[in-house]
Amino acid sequence: MDASNDEQTQLLRNIWSQLVATDRNLSGRIDGLSGRIDVLTERVDVLTGRVDVLTERMDVLAERMDVLAERVDAIESRMLDNFGRVQRNFERVHRRLDHMDLRLEQLDLHIGIPLPD
């Protein structure tokens, strides 16, 4: 056999051994990364579940806020109606008082009894 063939064969065996070792090393690293990815995926799933729960709660709160807003609007509308009614009643009472004052003044002029101020 030729020494150069033996040397080339040995060189190829060394390269092959390094490729096998590198493959094992990379396979281990890939497996480790896969494990980490699985853990991260589980965490993302848990967080997604939590976000879904929070979203549902926010939807419920939004519905409740809408109901409250409707109630506030109804109360405000009733209050404005009531204030309008009170204002009309005050105006009616004021007109009656003015009318009574006028009648009392006429009575004072007719009878001559001075009214107290």
PDB file of N, CA and C in Angstrom:
ATOM      1  N   MET A   1       0.807  -1.170   0.000  1.00  0.00           N
ATOM      2  CA  MET A   1       0.000   0.000   0.000  1.00  0.00           C
ATOM      3  C   MET A   1       0.850   1.233   0.000  1.00  0.00           C
ATOM      4  N   ASP A   2       0.207   2.190  -0.395  1.00  0.00           N
ATOM      5  CA  ASP A   2       0.880   3.455  -0.578  1.00  0.00           C
ATOM      6  C   ASP A   2       0.712   4.300   0.681  1.00  0.00           C
ATOM      7  N   ALA A   3       1.782   4.951   1.117  1.00  0.00           N
ATOM      8  CA  ALA A   3       1.760   5.767   2.339  1.00  0.00           C
ATOM      9  C   ALA A   3       0.829   6.953   2.165  1.00  0.00           C
ATOM     10  N   SER A   4       0.748   7.465   0.966  1.00  0.00           N
ATOM     11  CA  SER A   4      -0.106   8.620   0.728  1.00  0.00           C
ATOM     12  C   SER A   4      -1.579   8.208   0.828  1.00  0.00           C
ATOM     13  N   ASN A   5      -1.909   6.982   0.407  1.00  0.00           N
ATOM     14  CA  ASN A   5      -3.278   6.478   0.562  1.00  0.00           C
ATOM     15  C   ASN A   5      -3.622   6.295   2.039  1.00  0.00           C
ATOM     16  N   ASP A   6      -2.691   5.742   2.795  1.00  0.00           N
ATOM     17  CA  ASP A   6      -2.913   5.559   4.228  1.00  0.00           C
ATOM     18  C   ASP A   6      -3.116   6.911   4.917  1.00  0.00           C
ATOM     19  N   GLU A   7      -2.347   7.881   4.498  1.00  0.00           N
ATOM     20  CA  GLU A   7      -2.455   9.211   5.091  1.00  0.00           C
ATOM     21  C   GLU A   7      -3.800   9.851   4.737  1.00  0.00           C
ATOM     22  N   GLN A   8      -4.206   9.676   3.483  1.00  0.00           N
ATOM     23  CA  GLN A   8      -5.498  10.230   3.054  1.00  0.00           C
ATOM     24  C   GLN A   8      -6.653   9.516   3.761  1.00  0.00           C
ATOM     25  N   THR A   9      -6.507   8.211   3.908  1.00  0.00           N
ATOM     26  CA  THR A   9      -7.541   7.438   4.592  1.00  0.00           C
ATOM     27  C   THR A   9      -7.648   7.895   6.043  1.00  0.00           C
ATOM     28  N   GLN A  10      -6.511   8.054   6.670  1.00  0.00           N
ATOM     29  CA  GLN A  10      -6.515   8.511   8.066  1.00  0.00           C
ATOM     30  C   GLN A  10      -7.122   9.909   8.174  1.00  0.00           C
ATOM     31  N   LEU A  11      -6.782  10.771   7.242  1.00  0.00           N
ATOM     32  CA  LEU A  11      -7.326  12.128   7.216  1.00  0.00           C
ATOM     33  C   LEU A  11      -8.842  12.097   7.051  1.00  0.00           C
ATOM     34  N   LEU A  12      -9.316  11.248   6.155  1.00  0.00           N
ATOM     35  CA  LEU A  12     -10.756  11.112   5.950  1.00  0.00           C
ATOM     36  C   LEU A  12     -11.444  10.553   7.200  1.00  0.00           C
ATOM     37  N   ARG A  13     -10.781   9.574   7.865  1.00  0.00           N
ATOM     38  CA  ARG A  13     -11.339   9.016   9.103  1.00  0.00           C
ATOM     39  C   ARG A  13     -11.424  10.096  10.194  1.00  0.00           C
ATOM     40  N   ASN A  14     -10.402  10.918  10.287  1.00  0.00           N
ATOM     41  CA  ASN A  14     -10.412  12.013  11.262  1.00  0.00           C
ATOM     42  C   ASN A  14     -11.532  13.007  10.963  1.00  0.00           C
ATOM     43  N   ILE A  15     -11.674  13.343   9.685  1.00  0.00           N
ATOM     44  CA  ILE A  15     -12.745  14.268   9.288  1.00  0.00           C
ATOM     45  C   ILE A  15     -14.097  13.643   9.615  1.00  0.00           C
ATOM     46  N   TRP A  16     -14.236  12.357   9.283  1.00  0.00           N
ATOM     47  CA  TRP A  16     -15.498  11.657   9.568  1.00  0.00           C
ATOM     48  C   TRP A  16     -15.788  11.654  11.078  1.00  0.00           C
ATOM     49  N   SER A  17     -14.793  11.401  11.864  1.00  0.00           N
ATOM     50  CA  SER A  17     -14.955  11.378  13.320  1.00  0.00           C
ATOM     51  C   SER A  17     -15.377  12.756  13.831  1.00  0.00           C
ATOM     52  N   GLN A  18     -14.765  13.781  13.284  1.00  0.00           N
ATOM     53  CA  GLN A  18     -15.138  15.140  13.682  1.00  0.00           C
ATOM     54  C   GLN A  18     -16.571  15.463  13.255  1.00  0.00           C
ATOM     55  N   LEU A  19     -16.970  15.014  12.062  1.00  0.00           N
ATOM     56  CA  LEU A  19     -18.338  15.240  11.608  1.00  0.00           C
ATOM     57  C   LEU A  19     -19.341  14.519  12.514  1.00  0.00           C
ATOM     58  N   VAL A  20     -19.009  13.292  12.900  1.00  0.00           N
ATOM     59  CA  VAL A  20     -19.887  12.530  13.789  1.00  0.00           C
ATOM     60  C   VAL A  20     -19.974  13.227  15.146  1.00  0.00           C
ATOM     61  N   ALA A  21     -18.839  13.670  15.680  1.00  0.00           N
ATOM     62  CA  ALA A  21     -18.833  14.363  16.973  1.00  0.00           C
ATOM     63  C   ALA A  21     -19.617  15.673  16.879  1.00  0.00           C
ATOM     64  N   THR A  22     -19.416  16.402  15.801  1.00  0.00           N
ATOM     65  CA  THR A  22     -20.142  17.658  15.595  1.00  0.00           C
ATOM     66  C   THR A  22     -21.636  17.398  15.479  1.00  0.00           C
ATOM     67  N   ASP A  23     -21.993  16.321  14.753  1.00  0.00           N
ATOM     68  CA  ASP A  23     -23.411  15.971  14.603  1.00  0.00           C
ATOM     69  C   ASP A  23     -24.031  15.655  15.962  1.00  0.00           C
ATOM     70  N   ARG A  24     -23.312  14.890  16.785  1.00  0.00           N
ATOM     71  CA  ARG A  24     -23.815  14.552  18.126  1.00  0.00           C
ATOM     72  C   ARG A  24     -23.964  15.823  18.972  1.00  0.00           C
ATOM     73  N   ASN A  25     -22.963  16.679  18.890  1.00  0.00           N
ATOM     74  CA  ASN A  25     -22.996  17.932  19.650  1.00  0.00           C
ATOM     75  C   ASN A  25     -24.188  18.798  19.211  1.00  0.00           C
ATOM     76  N   LEU A  26     -24.326  18.943  17.896  1.00  0.00           N
ATOM     77  CA  LEU A  26     -25.429  19.760  17.379  1.00  0.00           C
ATOM     78  C   LEU A  26     -26.778  19.116  17.688  1.00  0.00           C
ATOM     79  N   SER A  27     -26.856  17.798  17.604  1.00  0.00           N
ATOM     80  CA  SER A  27     -28.105  17.105  17.926  1.00  0.00           C
ATOM     81  C   SER A  27     -28.482  17.349  19.379  1.00  0.00           C
ATOM     82  N   GLY A  28     -27.502  17.299  20.267  1.00  0.00           N
ATOM     83  CA  GLY A  28     -27.758  17.586  21.689  1.00  0.00           C
ATOM     84  C   GLY A  28     -28.229  19.007  21.891  1.00  0.00           C
ATOM     85  N   ARG A  29     -27.581  19.912  21.198  1.00  0.00           N
ATOM     86  CA  ARG A  29     -27.983  21.319  21.317  1.00  0.00           C
ATOM     87  C   ARG A  29     -29.395  21.532  20.766  1.00  0.00           C
ATOM     88  N   ILE A  30     -29.675  20.909  19.631  1.00  0.00           N
ATOM     89  CA  ILE A  30     -31.003  21.036  19.024  1.00  0.00           C
ATOM     90  C   ILE A  30     -32.059  20.458  19.959  1.00  0.00           C
ATOM     91  N   ASP A  31     -31.752  19.304  20.561  1.00  0.00           N
ATOM     92  CA  ASP A  31     -32.695  18.715  21.514  1.00  0.00           C
ATOM     93  C   ASP A  31     -32.916  19.650  22.706  1.00  0.00           C
ATOM     94  N   GLY A  32     -31.822  20.249  23.180  1.00  0.00           N
ATOM     95  CA  GLY A  32     -31.942  21.208  24.291  1.00  0.00           C
ATOM     96  C   GLY A  32     -32.796  22.404  23.902  1.00  0.00           C
ATOM     97  N   LEU A  33     -32.564  22.919  22.701  1.00  0.00           N
ATOM     98  CA  LEU A  33     -33.366  24.051  22.224  1.00  0.00           C
ATOM     99  C   LEU A  33     -34.825  23.649  22.035  1.00  0.00           C
ATOM    100  N   SER A  34     -35.037  22.448  21.551  1.00  0.00           N
ATOM    101  CA  SER A  34     -36.414  21.968  21.388  1.00  0.00           C
ATOM    102  C   SER A  34     -37.126  21.906  22.733  1.00  0.00           C
ATOM    103  N   GLY A  35     -36.400  21.440  23.747  1.00  0.00           N
ATOM    104  CA  GLY A  35     -36.975  21.406  25.092  1.00  0.00           C
ATOM    105  C   GLY A  35     -37.318  22.799  25.577  1.00  0.00           C
ATOM    106  N   ARG A  36     -36.417  23.725  25.352  1.00  0.00           N
ATOM    107  CA  ARG A  36     -36.677  25.109  25.760  1.00  0.00           C
ATOM    108  C   ARG A  36     -37.863  25.694  24.997  1.00  0.00           C
ATOM    109  N   ILE A  37     -37.923  25.399  23.715  1.00  0.00           N
ATOM    110  CA  ILE A  37     -39.040  25.892  22.894  1.00  0.00           C
ATOM    111  C   ILE A  37     -40.353  25.312  23.412  1.00  0.00           C
ATOM    112  N   ASP A  38     -40.343  24.025  23.783  1.00  0.00           N
ATOM    113  CA  ASP A  38     -41.552  23.404  24.333  1.00  0.00           C
ATOM    114  C   ASP A  38     -41.986  24.116  25.614  1.00  0.00           C
ATOM    115  N   VAL A  39     -41.021  24.426  26.491  1.00  0.00           N
ATOM    116  CA  VAL A  39     -41.336  25.131  27.736  1.00  0.00           C
ATOM    117  C   VAL A  39     -41.896  26.513  27.424  1.00  0.00           C
ATOM    118  N   LEU A  40     -41.243  27.201  26.496  1.00  0.00           N
ATOM    119  CA  LEU A  40     -41.728  28.533  26.122  1.00  0.00           C
ATOM    120  C   LEU A  40     -43.117  28.458  25.496  1.00  0.00           C
ATOM    121  N   THR A  41     -43.352  27.439  24.690  1.00  0.00           N
ATOM    122  CA  THR A  41     -44.669  27.261  24.080  1.00  0.00           C
ATOM    123  C   THR A  41     -45.734  27.056  25.153  1.00  0.00           C
ATOM    124  N   GLU A  42     -45.410  26.248  26.166  1.00  0.00           N
ATOM    125  CA  GLU A  42     -46.352  26.044  27.274  1.00  0.00           C
ATOM    126  C   GLU A  42     -46.621  27.360  27.998  1.00  0.00           C
ATOM    127  N   ARG A  43     -45.575  28.131  28.224  1.00  0.00           N
ATOM    128  CA  ARG A  43     -45.752  29.419  28.893  1.00  0.00           C
ATOM    129  C   ARG A  43     -46.610  30.362  28.053  1.00  0.00           C
ATOM    130  N   VAL A  44     -46.364  30.370  26.764  1.00  0.00           N
ATOM    131  CA  VAL A  44     -47.163  31.213  25.863  1.00  0.00           C
ATOM    132  C   VAL A  44     -48.626  30.763  25.906  1.00  0.00           C
ATOM    133  N   ASP A  45     -48.856  29.447  25.926  1.00  0.00           N
ATOM    134  CA  ASP A  45     -50.223  28.930  26.012  1.00  0.00           C
ATOM    135  C   ASP A  45     -50.892  29.383  27.307  1.00  0.00           C
ATOM    136  N   VAL A  46     -50.153  29.317  28.413  1.00  0.00           N
ATOM    137  CA  VAL A  46     -50.703  29.768  29.701  1.00  0.00           C
ATOM    138  C   VAL A  46     -51.019  31.258  29.632  1.00  0.00           C
ATOM    139  N   LEU A  47     -50.096  32.043  29.092  1.00  0.00           N
ATOM    140  CA  LEU A  47     -50.325  33.483  28.983  1.00  0.00           C
ATOM    141  C   LEU A  47     -51.498  33.780  28.056  1.00  0.00           C
ATOM    142  N   THR A  48     -51.605  33.021  26.984  1.00  0.00           N
ATOM    143  CA  THR A  48     -52.724  33.202  26.067  1.00  0.00           C
ATOM    144  C   THR A  48     -54.045  32.929  26.789  1.00  0.00           C
ATOM    145  N   GLY A  49     -54.058  31.888  27.607  1.00  0.00           N
ATOM    146  CA  GLY A  49     -55.254  31.589  28.394  1.00  0.00           C
ATOM    147  C   GLY A  49     -55.596  32.720  29.337  1.00  0.00           C
ATOM    148  N   ARG A  50     -54.579  33.266  29.982  1.00  0.00           N
ATOM    149  CA  ARG A  50     -54.813  34.381  30.900  1.00  0.00           C
ATOM    150  C   ARG A  50     -55.331  35.603  30.150  1.00  0.00           C
ATOM    151  N   VAL A  51     -54.755  35.872  28.995  1.00  0.00           N
ATOM    152  CA  VAL A  51     -55.200  37.006  28.189  1.00  0.00           C
ATOM    153  C   VAL A  51     -56.656  36.787  27.758  1.00  0.00           C
ATOM    154  N   ASP A  52     -56.999  35.553  27.399  1.00  0.00           N
ATOM    155  CA  ASP A  52     -58.382  35.258  27.024  1.00  0.00           C
ATOM    156  C   ASP A  52     -59.330  35.516  28.186  1.00  0.00           C
ATOM    157  N   VAL A  53     -58.941  35.079  29.387  1.00  0.00           N
ATOM    158  CA  VAL A  53     -59.774  35.315  30.573  1.00  0.00           C
ATOM    159  C   VAL A  53     -59.919  36.814  30.813  1.00  0.00           C
ATOM    160  N   LEU A  54     -58.814  37.543  30.728  1.00  0.00           N
ATOM    161  CA  LEU A  54     -58.874  38.992  30.933  1.00  0.00           C
ATOM    162  C   LEU A  54     -59.735  39.664  29.873  1.00  0.00           C
ATOM    163  N   THR A  55     -59.643  39.192  28.651  1.00  0.00           N
ATOM    164  CA  THR A  55     -60.455  39.753  27.570  1.00  0.00           C
ATOM    165  C   THR A  55     -61.939  39.521  27.852  1.00  0.00           C
ATOM    166  N   GLU A  56     -62.274  38.310  28.309  1.00  0.00           N
ATOM    167  CA  GLU A  56     -63.665  38.022  28.653  1.00  0.00           C
ATOM    168  C   GLU A  56     -64.132  38.934  29.783  1.00  0.00           C
ATOM    169  N   ARG A  57     -63.287  39.105  30.786  1.00  0.00           N
ATOM    170  CA  ARG A  57     -63.654  39.975  31.908  1.00  0.00           C
ATOM    171  C   ARG A  57     -63.831  41.409  31.441  1.00  0.00           C
ATOM    172  N   MET A  58     -62.948  41.849  30.552  1.00  0.00           N
ATOM    173  CA  MET A  58     -63.072  43.212  30.026  1.00  0.00           C
ATOM    174  C   MET A  58     -64.374  43.362  29.247  1.00  0.00           C
ATOM    175  N   ASP A  59     -64.753  42.326  28.491  1.00  0.00           N
ATOM    176  CA  ASP A  59     -66.007  42.379  27.747  1.00  0.00           C
ATOM    177  C   ASP A  59     -67.191  42.495  28.708  1.00  0.00           C
ATOM    178  N   VAL A  60     -67.147  41.709  29.798  1.00  0.00           N
ATOM    179  CA  VAL A  60     -68.213  41.778  30.805  1.00  0.00           C
ATOM    180  C   VAL A  60     -68.258  43.171  31.418  1.00  0.00           C
ATOM    181  N   LEU A  61     -67.082  43.705  31.762  1.00  0.00           N
ATOM    182  CA  LEU A  61     -67.028  45.049  32.337  1.00  0.00           C
ATOM    183  C   LEU A  61     -67.541  46.095  31.355  1.00  0.00           C
ATOM    184  N   ALA A  62     -67.204  45.937  30.088  1.00  0.00           N
ATOM    185  CA  ALA A  62     -67.679  46.884  29.074  1.00  0.00           C
ATOM    186  C   ALA A  62     -69.202  46.839  28.978  1.00  0.00           C
ATOM    187  N   GLU A  63     -69.768  45.624  29.034  1.00  0.00           N
ATOM    188  CA  GLU A  63     -71.222  45.501  29.006  1.00  0.00           C
ATOM    189  C   GLU A  63     -71.842  46.166  30.234  1.00  0.00           C
ATOM    190  N   ARG A  64     -71.242  45.936  31.396  1.00  0.00           N
ATOM    191  CA  ARG A  64     -71.760  46.554  32.616  1.00  0.00           C
ATOM    192  C   ARG A  64     -71.670  48.072  32.533  1.00  0.00           C
ATOM    193  N   MET A  65     -70.556  48.566  31.978  1.00  0.00           N
ATOM    194  CA  MET A  65     -70.402  50.013  31.836  1.00  0.00           C
ATOM    195  C   MET A  65     -71.462  50.574  30.893  1.00  0.00           C
ATOM    196  N   ASP A  66     -71.776  49.835  29.836  1.00  0.00           N
ATOM    197  CA  ASP A  66     -72.822  50.283  28.919  1.00  0.00           C
ATOM    198  C   ASP A  66     -74.167  50.357  29.640  1.00  0.00           C
ATOM    199  N   VAL A  67     -74.451  49.332  30.454  1.00  0.00           N
ATOM    200  CA  VAL A  67     -75.704  49.334  31.216  1.00  0.00           C
ATOM    201  C   VAL A  67     -75.732  50.524  32.180  1.00  0.00           C
ATOM    202  N   LEU A  68     -74.599  50.743  32.871  1.00  0.00           N
ATOM    203  CA  LEU A  68     -74.528  51.879  33.793  1.00  0.00           C
ATOM    204  C   LEU A  68     -74.691  53.205  33.058  1.00  0.00           C
ATOM    205  N   ALA A  69     -74.088  53.314  31.887  1.00  0.00           N
ATOM    206  CA  ALA A  69     -74.208  54.549  31.100  1.00  0.00           C
ATOM    207  C   ALA A  69     -75.663  54.783  30.710  1.00  0.00           C
ATOM    208  N   GLU A  70     -76.365  53.710  30.346  1.00  0.00           N
ATOM    209  CA  GLU A  70     -77.779  53.841  30.008  1.00  0.00           C
ATOM    210  C   GLU A  70     -78.580  54.287  31.229  1.00  0.00           C
ATOM    211  N   ARG A  71     -78.269  53.705  32.377  1.00  0.00           N
ATOM    212  CA  ARG A  71     -78.974  54.092  33.606  1.00  0.00           C
ATOM    213  C   ARG A  71     -78.709  55.553  33.949  1.00  0.00           C
ATOM    214  N   VAL A  72     -77.452  55.966  33.831  1.00  0.00           N
ATOM    215  CA  VAL A  72     -77.105  57.369  34.114  1.00  0.00           C
ATOM    216  C   VAL A  72     -77.843  58.287  33.151  1.00  0.00           C
ATOM    217  N   ASP A  73     -77.893  57.912  31.884  1.00  0.00           N
ATOM    218  CA  ASP A  73     -78.621  58.732  30.910  1.00  0.00           C
ATOM    219  C   ASP A  73     -80.102  58.833  31.280  1.00  0.00           C
ATOM    220  N   ALA A  74     -80.681  57.702  31.709  1.00  0.00           N
ATOM    221  CA  ALA A  74     -82.097  57.706  32.095  1.00  0.00           C
ATOM    222  C   ALA A  74     -82.311  58.585  33.324  1.00  0.00           C
ATOM    223  N   ILE A  75     -81.415  58.477  34.298  1.00  0.00           N
ATOM    224  CA  ILE A  75     -81.520  59.301  35.504  1.00  0.00           C
ATOM    225  C   ILE A  75     -81.370  60.773  35.149  1.00  0.00           C
ATOM    226  N   GLU A  76     -80.401  61.067  34.297  1.00  0.00           N
ATOM    227  CA  GLU A  76     -80.192  62.464  33.881  1.00  0.00           C
ATOM    228  C   GLU A  76     -81.434  63.004  33.180  1.00  0.00           C
ATOM    229  N   SER A  77     -82.035  62.193  32.333  1.00  0.00           N
ATOM    230  CA  SER A  77     -83.236  62.618  31.619  1.00  0.00           C
ATOM    231  C   SER A  77     -84.378  62.888  32.596  1.00  0.00           C
ATOM    232  N   ARG A  78     -84.556  61.971  33.575  1.00  0.00           N
ATOM    233  CA  ARG A  78     -85.604  62.175  34.582  1.00  0.00           C
ATOM    234  C   ARG A  78     -85.330  63.414  35.424  1.00  0.00           C
ATOM    235  N   MET A  79     -84.053  63.626  35.773  1.00  0.00           N
ATOM    236  CA  MET A  79     -83.705  64.804  36.571  1.00  0.00           C
ATOM    237  C   MET A  79     -84.019  66.075  35.800  1.00  0.00           C
ATOM    238  N   LEU A  80     -83.676  66.105  34.515  1.00  0.00           N
ATOM    239  CA  LEU A  80     -83.959  67.301  33.714  1.00  0.00           C
ATOM    240  C   LEU A  80     -85.460  67.534  33.617  1.00  0.00           C
ATOM    241  N   ASP A  81     -86.220  66.441  33.446  1.00  0.00           N
ATOM    242  CA  ASP A  81     -87.684  66.575  33.422  1.00  0.00           C
ATOM    243  C   ASP A  81     -88.192  67.126  34.748  1.00  0.00           C
ATOM    244  N   ASN A  82     -87.663  66.573  35.845  1.00  0.00           N
ATOM    245  CA  ASN A  82     -88.095  67.025  37.168  1.00  0.00           C
ATOM    246  C   ASN A  82     -87.703  68.476  37.418  1.00  0.00           C
ATOM    247  N   PHE A  83     -86.479  68.857  37.025  1.00  0.00           N
ATOM    248  CA  PHE A  83     -86.077  70.253  37.189  1.00  0.00           C
ATOM    249  C   PHE A  83     -86.981  71.176  36.367  1.00  0.00           C
ATOM    250  N   GLY A  84     -87.340  70.722  35.169  1.00  0.00           N
ATOM    251  CA  GLY A  84     -88.255  71.524  34.350  1.00  0.00           C
ATOM    252  C   GLY A  84     -89.604  71.674  35.013  1.00  0.00           C
ATOM    253  N   ARG A  85     -90.112  70.579  35.594  1.00  0.00           N
ATOM    254  CA  ARG A  85     -91.387  70.627  36.294  1.00  0.00           C
ATOM    255  C   ARG A  85     -91.304  71.558  37.511  1.00  0.00           C
ATOM    256  N   VAL A  86     -90.202  71.459  38.267  1.00  0.00           N
ATOM    257  CA  VAL A  86     -90.015  72.333  39.434  1.00  0.00           C
ATOM    258  C   VAL A  86     -89.963  73.792  38.992  1.00  0.00           C
ATOM    259  N   GLN A  87     -89.240  74.060  37.907  1.00  0.00           N
ATOM    260  CA  GLN A  87     -89.141  75.428  37.393  1.00  0.00           C
ATOM    261  C   GLN A  87     -90.525  75.954  36.997  1.00  0.00           C
ATOM    262  N   ARG A  88     -91.310  75.117  36.313  1.00  0.00           N
ATOM    263  CA  ARG A  88     -92.657  75.541  35.916  1.00  0.00           C
ATOM    264  C   ARG A  88     -93.527  75.792  37.148  1.00  0.00           C
ATOM    265  N   ASN A  89     -93.376  74.941  38.172  1.00  0.00           N
ATOM    266  CA  ASN A  89     -94.139  75.145  39.413  1.00  0.00           C
ATOM    267  C   ASN A  89     -93.739  76.446  40.101  1.00  0.00           C
ATOM    268  N   PHE A  90     -92.433  76.737  40.144  1.00  0.00           N
ATOM    269  CA  PHE A  90     -91.981  78.007  40.732  1.00  0.00           C
ATOM    270  C   PHE A  90     -92.548  79.189  39.955  1.00  0.00           C
ATOM    271  N   GLU A  91     -92.531  79.089  38.640  1.00  0.00           N
ATOM    272  CA  GLU A  91     -93.066  80.177  37.827  1.00  0.00           C
ATOM    273  C   GLU A  91     -94.563  80.349  38.079  1.00  0.00           C
ATOM    274  N   ARG A  92     -95.281  79.214  38.198  1.00  0.00           N
ATOM    275  CA  ARG A  92     -96.718  79.264  38.482  1.00  0.00           C
ATOM    276  C   ARG A  92     -96.966  79.910  39.855  1.00  0.00           C
ATOM    277  N   VAL A  93     -96.198  79.498  40.869  1.00  0.00           N
ATOM    278  CA  VAL A  93     -96.334  80.079  42.208  1.00  0.00           C
ATOM    279  C   VAL A  93     -95.994  81.563  42.171  1.00  0.00           C
ATOM    280  N   HIS A  94     -94.958  81.914  41.436  1.00  0.00           N
ATOM    281  CA  HIS A  94     -94.552  83.317  41.326  1.00  0.00           C
ATOM    282  C   HIS A  94     -95.682  84.149  40.680  1.00  0.00           C
ATOM    283  N   ARG A  95     -96.303  83.617  39.641  1.00  0.00           N
ATOM    284  CA  ARG A  95     -97.404  84.328  38.995  1.00  0.00           C
ATOM    285  C   ARG A  95     -98.576  84.484  39.965  1.00  0.00           C
ATOM    286  N   ARG A  96     -98.865  83.427  40.707  1.00  0.00           N
ATOM    287  CA  ARG A  96     -99.967  83.500  41.683  1.00  0.00           C
ATOM    288  C   ARG A  96     -99.668  84.534  42.771  1.00  0.00           C
ATOM    289  N   LEU A  97     -98.412  84.542  43.249  1.00  0.00           N
ATOM    290  CA  LEU A  97     -98.038  85.535  44.267  1.00  0.00           C
ATOM    291  C   LEU A  97     -98.146  86.943  43.715  1.00  0.00           C
ATOM    292  N   ASP A  98     -97.676  87.127  42.467  1.00  0.00           N
ATOM    293  CA  ASP A  98     -97.799  88.448  41.842  1.00  0.00           C
ATOM    294  C   ASP A  98     -99.269  88.841  41.728  1.00  0.00           C
ATOM    295  N   HIS A  99    -100.085  87.874  41.334  1.00  0.00           N
ATOM    296  CA  HIS A  99    -101.517  88.145  41.203  1.00  0.00           C
ATOM    297  C   HIS A  99    -102.129  88.477  42.571  1.00  0.00           C
ATOM    298  N   MET A 100    -101.737  87.731  43.607  1.00  0.00           N
ATOM    299  CA  MET A 100    -102.245  88.014  44.952  1.00  0.00           C
ATOM    300  C   MET A 100    -101.778  89.384  45.435  1.00  0.00           C
ATOM    301  N   ASP A 101    -100.513  89.729  45.159  1.00  0.00           N
ATOM    302  CA  ASP A 101    -100.017  91.056  45.534  1.00  0.00           C
ATOM    303  C   ASP A 101    -100.846  92.140  44.864  1.00  0.00           C
ATOM    304  N   LEU A 102    -101.126  91.937  43.599  1.00  0.00           N
ATOM    305  CA  LEU A 102    -101.920  92.914  42.855  1.00  0.00           C
ATOM    306  C   LEU A 102    -103.319  93.018  43.452  1.00  0.00           C
ATOM    307  N   ARG A 103    -103.923  91.895  43.779  1.00  0.00           N
ATOM    308  CA  ARG A 103    -105.274  91.913  44.367  1.00  0.00           C
ATOM    309  C   ARG A 103    -105.266  92.557  45.745  1.00  0.00           C
ATOM    310  N   LEU A 104    -104.211  92.285  46.527  1.00  0.00           N
ATOM    311  CA  LEU A 104    -104.107  92.903  47.852  1.00  0.00           C
ATOM    312  C   LEU A 104    -103.936  94.414  47.744  1.00  0.00           C
ATOM    313  N   GLU A 105    -103.149  94.849  46.759  1.00  0.00           N
ATOM    314  CA  GLU A 105    -102.981  96.287  46.539  1.00  0.00           C
ATOM    315  C   GLU A 105    -104.313  96.918  46.138  1.00  0.00           C
ATOM    316  N   GLN A 106    -105.058  96.212  45.283  1.00  0.00           N
ATOM    317  CA  GLN A 106    -106.370  96.714  44.879  1.00  0.00           C
ATOM    318  C   GLN A 106    -107.314  96.755  46.078  1.00  0.00           C
ATOM    319  N   LEU A 107    -107.244  95.710  46.904  1.00  0.00           N
ATOM    320  CA  LEU A 107    -108.072  95.674  48.099  1.00  0.00           C
ATOM    321  C   LEU A 107    -107.707  96.815  49.041  1.00  0.00           C
ATOM    322  N   ASP A 108    -106.418  97.084  49.171  1.00  0.00           N
ATOM    323  CA  ASP A 108    -105.941  98.172  50.020  1.00  0.00           C
ATOM    324  C   ASP A 108    -106.470  99.511  49.495  1.00  0.00           C
ATOM    325  N   LEU A 109    -106.425  99.697  48.196  1.00  0.00           N
ATOM    326  CA  LEU A 109    -106.925 100.931  47.607  1.00  0.00           C
ATOM    327  C   LEU A 109    -108.438 101.032  47.791  1.00  0.00           C
ATOM    328  N   HIS A 110    -109.123  99.942  47.675  1.00  0.00           N
ATOM    329  CA  HIS A 110    -110.578  99.955  47.758  1.00  0.00           C
ATOM    330  C   HIS A 110    -111.068 100.103  49.204  1.00  0.00           C
ATOM    331  N   ILE A 111    -110.420  99.385  50.122  1.00  0.00           N
ATOM    332  CA  ILE A 111    -110.857  99.399  51.517  1.00  0.00           C
ATOM    333  C   ILE A 111    -110.093 100.457  52.299  1.00  0.00           C
ATOM    334  N   GLY A 112    -108.879 100.692  51.973  1.00  0.00           N
ATOM    335  CA  GLY A 112    -108.089 101.677  52.673  1.00  0.00           C
ATOM    336  C   GLY A 112    -107.328 101.119  53.849  1.00  0.00           C
ATOM    337  N   ILE A 113    -107.158  99.839  53.923  1.00  0.00           N
ATOM    338  CA  ILE A 113    -106.381  99.250  55.019  1.00  0.00           C
ATOM    339  C   ILE A 113    -104.960  99.044  54.498  1.00  0.00           C
ATOM    340  N   PRO A 114    -104.003  99.731  55.127  1.00  0.00           N
ATOM    341  CA  PRO A 114    -102.628  99.557  54.653  1.00  0.00           C
ATOM    342  C   PRO A 114    -102.103  98.167  55.007  1.00  0.00           C
ATOM    343  N   LEU A 115    -101.416  97.612  54.070  1.00  0.00           N
ATOM    344  CA  LEU A 115    -100.831  96.269  54.282  1.00  0.00           C
ATOM    345  C   LEU A 115     -99.411  96.425  54.795  1.00  0.00           C
ATOM    346  N   PRO A 116     -99.009  95.525  55.677  1.00  0.00           N
ATOM    347  CA  PRO A 116     -97.609  95.579  56.166  1.00  0.00           C
ATOM    348  C   PRO A 116     -96.645  95.212  55.044  1.00  0.00           C
ATOM    349  N   ASP A 117     -95.480  95.794  55.121  1.00  0.00           N
ATOM    350  CA  ASP A 117     -94.463  95.507  54.098  1.00  0.00           C
ATOM    351  C   ASP A 117     -93.786  94.213  54.332  1.00  0.00           C
TER     352      ASP A 117
END
